[in-house]
Amino acid sequence: MLFLIFSVLLYFLPTIIARDKPDATAIFLVNLLFGWTIIGWFVALIWACAEQRYAPVRAVLVSSGRFCSQCGRLSPYGAHFCSACDRAV
Protein backbone atom coordinates (compact mmCIF):
# COMPACT_ATOMS: atom_id res chain seq x y z
CA MET A 1 0.00 0.00 0.00
CA LEU A 2 2.84 2.39 0.85
CA PHE A 3 4.50 1.57 -2.47
CA LEU A 4 1.30 2.48 -4.35
CA ILE A 5 1.02 5.86 -2.59
CA PHE A 6 4.69 6.59 -3.23
CA SER A 7 4.30 5.63 -6.92
CA VAL A 8 1.29 7.92 -7.40
CA LEU A 9 3.08 10.82 -5.70
CA LEU A 10 6.17 10.25 -7.84
CA TYR A 11 4.04 10.05 -10.99
CA PHE A 12 2.30 13.34 -10.22
CA LEU A 13 5.45 15.10 -8.95
CA PRO A 14 5.41 17.63 -11.85
CA THR A 15 1.81 18.52 -11.04
CA ILE A 16 2.64 18.95 -7.36
CA ILE A 17 5.57 21.22 -8.19
CA ALA A 18 3.45 23.32 -10.59
CA ARG A 19 0.39 23.75 -8.36
CA ASP A 20 0.89 27.53 -7.93
CA LYS A 21 1.74 28.35 -11.55
CA PRO A 22 -0.68 29.95 -14.01
CA ASP A 23 -0.34 27.01 -16.42
CA ALA A 24 -0.78 24.31 -13.78
CA THR A 25 -3.81 22.83 -15.59
CA ALA A 26 -1.84 22.31 -18.79
CA ILE A 27 1.04 20.71 -16.88
CA PHE A 28 -1.45 18.43 -15.12
CA LEU A 29 -2.96 17.35 -18.45
CA VAL A 30 0.46 16.64 -19.98
CA ASN A 31 1.40 14.72 -16.87
CA LEU A 32 -1.86 12.76 -16.83
CA LEU A 33 -2.04 11.94 -20.54
CA PHE A 34 1.63 11.58 -21.49
CA GLY A 35 3.28 10.95 -18.14
CA TRP A 36 3.19 7.21 -18.62
CA THR A 37 5.90 7.69 -21.23
CA ILE A 38 9.22 8.66 -19.73
CA ILE A 39 9.55 11.56 -22.18
CA GLY A 40 6.13 12.99 -21.28
CA TRP A 41 6.91 12.83 -17.58
CA PHE A 42 10.23 14.63 -18.06
CA VAL A 43 8.58 17.27 -20.27
CA ALA A 44 6.02 17.95 -17.55
CA LEU A 45 8.76 18.03 -14.90
CA ILE A 46 10.94 20.48 -16.84
CA TRP A 47 7.92 22.65 -17.61
CA ALA A 48 6.93 22.66 -13.94
CA CYS A 49 10.44 23.62 -12.83
CA ALA A 50 10.94 26.30 -15.49
CA GLU A 51 10.85 29.95 -14.46
CA GLN A 52 7.98 32.11 -15.54
CA ARG A 53 8.89 34.53 -18.30
CA TYR A 54 7.19 37.82 -17.85
CA ALA A 55 7.73 40.57 -20.35
CA PRO A 56 8.51 43.79 -18.51
CA VAL A 57 5.95 46.47 -19.18
CA ARG A 58 7.15 50.02 -19.22
CA ALA A 59 4.80 52.64 -17.87
CA VAL A 60 4.40 55.43 -20.40
CA LEU A 61 2.84 58.73 -19.56
CA VAL A 62 0.06 59.82 -21.82
CA SER A 63 1.24 62.61 -24.02
CA SER A 64 0.80 63.90 -27.51
CA GLY A 65 4.36 63.06 -28.59
CA ARG A 66 5.61 60.41 -30.97
CA PHE A 67 7.70 57.33 -30.32
CA CYS A 68 10.86 56.72 -32.28
CA SER A 69 10.64 53.44 -34.15
CA GLN A 70 14.38 52.88 -33.80
CA CYS A 71 15.18 53.57 -30.14
CA GLY A 72 11.70 53.77 -28.58
CA ARG A 73 12.11 57.18 -26.98
CA LEU A 74 9.33 59.71 -26.84
CA SER A 75 9.86 62.80 -28.96
CA PRO A 76 7.86 66.00 -28.50
CA TYR A 77 4.82 66.66 -30.61
CA GLY A 78 5.67 68.06 -34.01
CA ALA A 79 9.23 66.73 -34.02
CA HIS A 80 10.34 65.14 -37.28
CA PHE A 81 13.56 63.63 -35.91
CA CYS A 82 14.33 61.76 -32.68
CA SER A 83 16.37 63.77 -30.21
CA ALA A 84 18.27 60.64 -29.08
CA CYS A 85 19.23 58.87 -32.31
CA ASP A 86 18.50 61.53 -34.99
CA ARG A 87 16.31 59.19 -37.02
CA ALA A 88 13.03 60.17 -38.61
CA VAL A 89 10.09 59.74 -36.25
C-alpha atoms as a PDB file:
ATOM      1  CA  MET A   1       0.000   0.000   0.000  1.00  0.00           C
ATOM      2  CA  LEU A   2       2.840   2.388   0.851  1.00  0.00           C
ATOM      3  CA  PHE A   3       4.496   1.567  -2.470  1.00  0.00           C
ATOM      4  CA  LEU A   4       1.297   2.483  -4.350  1.00  0.00           C
ATOM      5  CA  ILE A   5       1.023   5.863  -2.587  1.00  0.00           C
ATOM      6  CA  PHE A   6       4.694   6.586  -3.230  1.00  0.00           C
ATOM      7  CA  SER A   7       4.299   5.628  -6.916  1.00  0.00           C
ATOM      8  CA  VAL A   8       1.295   7.922  -7.405  1.00  0.00           C
ATOM      9  CA  LEU A   9       3.084  10.820  -5.696  1.00  0.00           C
ATOM     10  CA  LEU A  10       6.165  10.252  -7.842  1.00  0.00           C
ATOM     11  CA  TYR A  11       4.036  10.047 -10.994  1.00  0.00           C
ATOM     12  CA  PHE A  12       2.303  13.340 -10.216  1.00  0.00           C
ATOM     13  CA  LEU A  13       5.446  15.097  -8.949  1.00  0.00           C
ATOM     14  CA  PRO A  14       5.414  17.630 -11.853  1.00  0.00           C
ATOM     15  CA  THR A  15       1.807  18.516 -11.040  1.00  0.00           C
ATOM     16  CA  ILE A  16       2.636  18.947  -7.356  1.00  0.00           C
ATOM     17  CA  ILE A  17       5.570  21.221  -8.192  1.00  0.00           C
ATOM     18  CA  ALA A  18       3.450  23.318 -10.589  1.00  0.00           C
ATOM     19  CA  ARG A  19       0.393  23.746  -8.360  1.00  0.00           C
ATOM     20  CA  ASP A  20       0.886  27.529  -7.933  1.00  0.00           C
ATOM     21  CA  LYS A  21       1.739  28.352 -11.554  1.00  0.00           C
ATOM     22  CA  PRO A  22      -0.681  29.951 -14.009  1.00  0.00           C
ATOM     23  CA  ASP A  23      -0.341  27.006 -16.416  1.00  0.00           C
ATOM     24  CA  ALA A  24      -0.783  24.308 -13.778  1.00  0.00           C
ATOM     25  CA  THR A  25      -3.807  22.833 -15.586  1.00  0.00           C
ATOM     26  CA  ALA A  26      -1.838  22.306 -18.787  1.00  0.00           C
ATOM     27  CA  ILE A  27       1.035  20.714 -16.879  1.00  0.00           C
ATOM     28  CA  PHE A  28      -1.454  18.431 -15.124  1.00  0.00           C
ATOM     29  CA  LEU A  29      -2.962  17.354 -18.454  1.00  0.00           C
ATOM     30  CA  VAL A  30       0.458  16.637 -19.976  1.00  0.00           C
ATOM     31  CA  ASN A  31       1.404  14.716 -16.866  1.00  0.00           C
ATOM     32  CA  LEU A  32      -1.859  12.763 -16.826  1.00  0.00           C
ATOM     33  CA  LEU A  33      -2.040  11.937 -20.539  1.00  0.00           C
ATOM     34  CA  PHE A  34       1.633  11.585 -21.485  1.00  0.00           C
ATOM     35  CA  GLY A  35       3.277  10.945 -18.135  1.00  0.00           C
ATOM     36  CA  TRP A  36       3.193   7.211 -18.619  1.00  0.00           C
ATOM     37  CA  THR A  37       5.904   7.687 -21.225  1.00  0.00           C
ATOM     38  CA  ILE A  38       9.217   8.664 -19.734  1.00  0.00           C
ATOM     39  CA  ILE A  39       9.551  11.564 -22.176  1.00  0.00           C
ATOM     40  CA  GLY A  40       6.134  12.988 -21.278  1.00  0.00           C
ATOM     41  CA  TRP A  41       6.914  12.831 -17.579  1.00  0.00           C
ATOM     42  CA  PHE A  42      10.234  14.634 -18.060  1.00  0.00           C
ATOM     43  CA  VAL A  43       8.578  17.273 -20.274  1.00  0.00           C
ATOM     44  CA  ALA A  44       6.023  17.947 -17.550  1.00  0.00           C
ATOM     45  CA  LEU A  45       8.759  18.032 -14.898  1.00  0.00           C
ATOM     46  CA  ILE A  46      10.941  20.478 -16.837  1.00  0.00           C
ATOM     47  CA  TRP A  47       7.917  22.647 -17.612  1.00  0.00           C
ATOM     48  CA  ALA A  48       6.930  22.659 -13.944  1.00  0.00           C
ATOM     49  CA  CYS A  49      10.444  23.617 -12.831  1.00  0.00           C
ATOM     50  CA  ALA A  50      10.942  26.296 -15.486  1.00  0.00           C
ATOM     51  CA  GLU A  51      10.847  29.945 -14.459  1.00  0.00           C
ATOM     52  CA  GLN A  52       7.980  32.109 -15.541  1.00  0.00           C
ATOM     53  CA  ARG A  53       8.891  34.534 -18.298  1.00  0.00           C
ATOM     54  CA  TYR A  54       7.194  37.821 -17.846  1.00  0.00           C
ATOM     55  CA  ALA A  55       7.727  40.572 -20.351  1.00  0.00           C
ATOM     56  CA  PRO A  56       8.505  43.788 -18.512  1.00  0.00           C
ATOM     57  CA  VAL A  57       5.946  46.472 -19.184  1.00  0.00           C
ATOM     58  CA  ARG A  58       7.150  50.020 -19.224  1.00  0.00           C
ATOM     59  CA  ALA A  59       4.804  52.642 -17.874  1.00  0.00           C
ATOM     60  CA  VAL A  60       4.397  55.426 -20.397  1.00  0.00           C
ATOM     61  CA  LEU A  61       2.844  58.734 -19.559  1.00  0.00           C
ATOM     62  CA  VAL A  62       0.059  59.823 -21.825  1.00  0.00           C
ATOM     63  CA  SER A  63       1.244  62.612 -24.022  1.00  0.00           C
ATOM     64  CA  SER A  64       0.801  63.896 -27.515  1.00  0.00           C
ATOM     65  CA  GLY A  65       4.358  63.061 -28.594  1.00  0.00           C
ATOM     66  CA  ARG A  66       5.607  60.412 -30.975  1.00  0.00           C
ATOM     67  CA  PHE A  67       7.699  57.329 -30.315  1.00  0.00           C
ATOM     68  CA  CYS A  68      10.863  56.717 -32.284  1.00  0.00           C
ATOM     69  CA  SER A  69      10.639  53.439 -34.155  1.00  0.00           C
ATOM     70  CA  GLN A  70      14.383  52.881 -33.802  1.00  0.00           C
ATOM     71  CA  CYS A  71      15.180  53.572 -30.137  1.00  0.00           C
ATOM     72  CA  GLY A  72      11.699  53.773 -28.583  1.00  0.00           C
ATOM     73  CA  ARG A  73      12.109  57.182 -26.982  1.00  0.00           C
ATOM     74  CA  LEU A  74       9.328  59.707 -26.842  1.00  0.00           C
ATOM     75  CA  SER A  75       9.860  62.799 -28.958  1.00  0.00           C
ATOM     76  CA  PRO A  76       7.859  66.001 -28.503  1.00  0.00           C
ATOM     77  CA  TYR A  77       4.821  66.656 -30.611  1.00  0.00           C
ATOM     78  CA  GLY A  78       5.674  68.062 -34.010  1.00  0.00           C
ATOM     79  CA  ALA A  79       9.232  66.725 -34.023  1.00  0.00           C
ATOM     80  CA  HIS A  80      10.336  65.142 -37.280  1.00  0.00           C
ATOM     81  CA  PHE A  81      13.562  63.629 -35.906  1.00  0.00           C
ATOM     82  CA  CYS A  82      14.334  61.761 -32.684  1.00  0.00           C
ATOM     83  CA  SER A  83      16.375  63.773 -30.209  1.00  0.00           C
ATOM     84  CA  ALA A  84      18.271  60.638 -29.076  1.00  0.00           C
ATOM     85  CA  CYS A  85      19.233  58.873 -32.306  1.00  0.00           C
ATOM     86  CA  ASP A  86      18.497  61.531 -34.988  1.00  0.00           C
ATOM     87  CA  ARG A  87      16.310  59.187 -37.023  1.00  0.00           C
ATOM     88  CA  ALA A  88      13.029  60.174 -38.613  1.00  0.00           C
ATOM     89  CA  VAL A  89      10.093  59.742 -36.249  1.00  0.00           C
END
